[in-house]
Amino acid sequence: MEALKIVSRERTERLAWLSKIELKDKEKEEITLQLNRILEAFKTLDELDLSGVEPTFHVVEMVNVFREDQVRESLSQKDALSNASKAKDGFFVAPKIV
């Protein structure tokens, strides 16, 4: 089945340039064909009657479970640093990240 020409070769070249991907001529043709096939497959969704379907953000209904905040005693500095591989002057020592 030949896909419709929704994405042109020029559009594929532009997408490759924006993505900083170097493509050979054969790869450009293959990707253009693949993108058109993908978009053609999505066109089948336009044929569905979704008038009674409510929009959703998640396919699985999600419910957040919150607990009440409770004021409790926190860890002491000594306990917090007890498992640290390196500590100095009461602080965690971590490698420098630049």
C-alpha atoms as a PDB file:
ATOM      1  CA  MET A   1       0.000   0.000   0.000  1.00  0.00           C
ATOM      2  CA  GLU A   2       1.499   3.322  -1.063  1.00  0.00           C
ATOM      3  CA  ALA A   3       1.156   6.066   1.525  1.00  0.00           C
ATOM      4  CA  LEU A   4      -0.109   9.508   0.598  1.00  0.00           C
ATOM      5  CA  LYS A   5       2.480  12.259   0.214  1.00  0.00           C
ATOM      6  CA  ILE A   6       1.786  14.220   3.381  1.00  0.00           C
ATOM      7  CA  VAL A   7       5.467  14.719   4.251  1.00  0.00           C
ATOM      8  CA  SER A   8       7.697  15.896   1.428  1.00  0.00           C
ATOM      9  CA  ARG A   9      11.375  15.124   1.018  1.00  0.00           C
ATOM     10  CA  GLU A  10      12.089  18.781   1.771  1.00  0.00           C
ATOM     11  CA  ARG A  11      10.198  18.481   5.067  1.00  0.00           C
ATOM     12  CA  THR A  12      12.241  15.397   5.952  1.00  0.00           C
ATOM     13  CA  GLU A  13      15.449  17.283   5.157  1.00  0.00           C
ATOM     14  CA  ARG A  14      14.296  20.173   7.358  1.00  0.00           C
ATOM     15  CA  LEU A  15      13.462  17.786  10.229  1.00  0.00           C
ATOM     16  CA  ALA A  16      16.869  16.143   9.877  1.00  0.00           C
ATOM     17  CA  TRP A  17      18.559  19.554   9.911  1.00  0.00           C
ATOM     18  CA  LEU A  18      16.616  20.628  13.016  1.00  0.00           C
ATOM     19  CA  SER A  19      17.505  17.331  14.693  1.00  0.00           C
ATOM     20  CA  LYS A  20      21.134  17.723  13.627  1.00  0.00           C
ATOM     21  CA  ILE A  21      21.028  14.328  11.903  1.00  0.00           C
ATOM     22  CA  GLU A  22      22.941  13.719   8.715  1.00  0.00           C
ATOM     23  CA  LEU A  23      21.024  11.522   6.285  1.00  0.00           C
ATOM     24  CA  LYS A  24      22.067   9.981   3.008  1.00  0.00           C
ATOM     25  CA  ASP A  25      19.741  10.333   0.001  1.00  0.00           C
ATOM     26  CA  LYS A  26      18.442   6.770   0.400  1.00  0.00           C
ATOM     27  CA  GLU A  27      17.757   7.350   4.106  1.00  0.00           C
ATOM     28  CA  LYS A  28      15.841  10.534   3.310  1.00  0.00           C
ATOM     29  CA  GLU A  29      13.594   8.627   0.914  1.00  0.00           C
ATOM     30  CA  GLU A  30      13.025   5.792   3.426  1.00  0.00           C
ATOM     31  CA  ILE A  31      12.243   8.150   6.306  1.00  0.00           C
ATOM     32  CA  THR A  32       9.914  10.237   4.144  1.00  0.00           C
ATOM     33  CA  LEU A  33       8.023   7.069   3.203  1.00  0.00           C
ATOM     34  CA  GLN A  34       7.916   5.884   6.827  1.00  0.00           C
ATOM     35  CA  LEU A  35       6.641   9.243   8.099  1.00  0.00           C
ATOM     36  CA  ASN A  36       3.907   9.224   5.478  1.00  0.00           C
ATOM     37  CA  ARG A  37       2.878   5.686   6.431  1.00  0.00           C
ATOM     38  CA  ILE A  38       2.725   6.649  10.105  1.00  0.00           C
ATOM     39  CA  LEU A  39       0.579   9.697   9.382  1.00  0.00           C
ATOM     40  CA  GLU A  40      -1.649   7.631   7.098  1.00  0.00           C
ATOM     41  CA  ALA A  41      -2.199   5.149   9.935  1.00  0.00           C
ATOM     42  CA  PHE A  42      -3.239   8.002  12.219  1.00  0.00           C
ATOM     43  CA  LYS A  43      -5.780   9.160   9.637  1.00  0.00           C
ATOM     44  CA  THR A  44      -7.838   6.057  10.448  1.00  0.00           C
ATOM     45  CA  LEU A  45      -8.575   7.683  13.813  1.00  0.00           C
ATOM     46  CA  ASP A  46     -10.466  10.419  11.965  1.00  0.00           C
ATOM     47  CA  GLU A  47     -12.952   7.780  10.796  1.00  0.00           C
ATOM     48  CA  LEU A  48     -13.940   6.807  14.358  1.00  0.00           C
ATOM     49  CA  ASP A  49     -17.125   8.179  15.916  1.00  0.00           C
ATOM     50  CA  LEU A  50     -15.907   9.595  19.217  1.00  0.00           C
ATOM     51  CA  SER A  51     -18.917  11.796  19.941  1.00  0.00           C
ATOM     52  CA  GLY A  52     -19.771   9.950  23.193  1.00  0.00           C
ATOM     53  CA  VAL A  53     -16.206   9.599  24.430  1.00  0.00           C
ATOM     54  CA  GLU A  54     -14.922  12.102  26.961  1.00  0.00           C
ATOM     55  CA  PRO A  55     -11.377  13.390  26.531  1.00  0.00           C
ATOM     56  CA  THR A  56      -8.828  11.855  28.874  1.00  0.00           C
ATOM     57  CA  PHE A  57      -5.336  12.681  30.002  1.00  0.00           C
ATOM     58  CA  HIS A  58      -4.505   9.197  31.288  1.00  0.00           C
ATOM     59  CA  VAL A  59      -5.670   5.826  30.050  1.00  0.00           C
ATOM     60  CA  VAL A  60      -5.729   4.578  33.634  1.00  0.00           C
ATOM     61  CA  GLU A  61      -7.788   6.511  36.144  1.00  0.00           C
ATOM     62  CA  MET A  62      -5.389   8.025  38.630  1.00  0.00           C
ATOM     63  CA  VAL A  63      -6.153   9.080  42.177  1.00  0.00           C
ATOM     64  CA  ASN A  64      -3.602  10.810  44.361  1.00  0.00           C
ATOM     65  CA  VAL A  65      -3.457   9.563  47.903  1.00  0.00           C
ATOM     66  CA  PHE A  66      -2.381  12.220  50.335  1.00  0.00           C
ATOM     67  CA  ARG A  67      -1.718  11.845  54.004  1.00  0.00           C
ATOM     68  CA  GLU A  68      -2.203  14.501  56.607  1.00  0.00           C
ATOM     69  CA  ASP A  69       0.940  16.397  57.507  1.00  0.00           C
ATOM     70  CA  GLN A  70       2.179  15.427  60.921  1.00  0.00           C
ATOM     71  CA  VAL A  71       4.778  17.349  62.841  1.00  0.00           C
ATOM     72  CA  ARG A  72       7.431  14.889  63.966  1.00  0.00           C
ATOM     73  CA  GLU A  73      10.953  15.095  65.237  1.00  0.00           C
ATOM     74  CA  SER A  74      13.426  15.112  62.376  1.00  0.00           C
ATOM     75  CA  LEU A  75      16.731  13.286  62.149  1.00  0.00           C
ATOM     76  CA  SER A  76      19.635  14.722  64.003  1.00  0.00           C
ATOM     77  CA  GLN A  77      22.561  15.921  61.914  1.00  0.00           C
ATOM     78  CA  LYS A  78      24.634  13.015  63.225  1.00  0.00           C
ATOM     79  CA  ASP A  79      21.977  10.452  62.210  1.00  0.00           C
ATOM     80  CA  ALA A  80      21.475  12.049  58.799  1.00  0.00           C
ATOM     81  CA  LEU A  81      25.208  11.857  58.071  1.00  0.00           C
ATOM     82  CA  SER A  82      25.709   8.410  59.613  1.00  0.00           C
ATOM     83  CA  ASN A  83      25.561   6.541  56.263  1.00  0.00           C
ATOM     84  CA  ALA A  84      27.268   9.225  54.166  1.00  0.00           C
ATOM     85  CA  SER A  85      30.356   7.975  52.382  1.00  0.00           C
ATOM     86  CA  LYS A  86      31.972  11.389  52.935  1.00  0.00           C
ATOM     87  CA  ALA A  87      31.059  14.185  55.305  1.00  0.00           C
ATOM     88  CA  LYS A  88      32.913  17.325  56.389  1.00  0.00           C
ATOM     89  CA  ASP A  89      31.978  19.953  58.955  1.00  0.00           C
ATOM     90  CA  GLY A  90      28.459  18.523  59.302  1.00  0.00           C
ATOM     91  CA  PHE A  91      27.683  18.456  55.552  1.00  0.00           C
ATOM     92  CA  PHE A  92      27.578  15.795  52.832  1.00  0.00           C
ATOM     93  CA  VAL A  93      30.607  15.848  50.541  1.00  0.00           C
ATOM     94  CA  ALA A  94      29.821  15.210  46.880  1.00  0.00           C
ATOM     95  CA  PRO A  95      31.931  15.387  43.738  1.00  0.00           C
ATOM     96  CA  LYS A  96      32.098  18.771  42.049  1.00  0.00           C
ATOM     97  CA  ILE A  97      29.808  18.976  39.016  1.00  0.00           C
ATOM     98  CA  VAL A  98      30.413  21.734  36.523  1.00  0.00           C
END
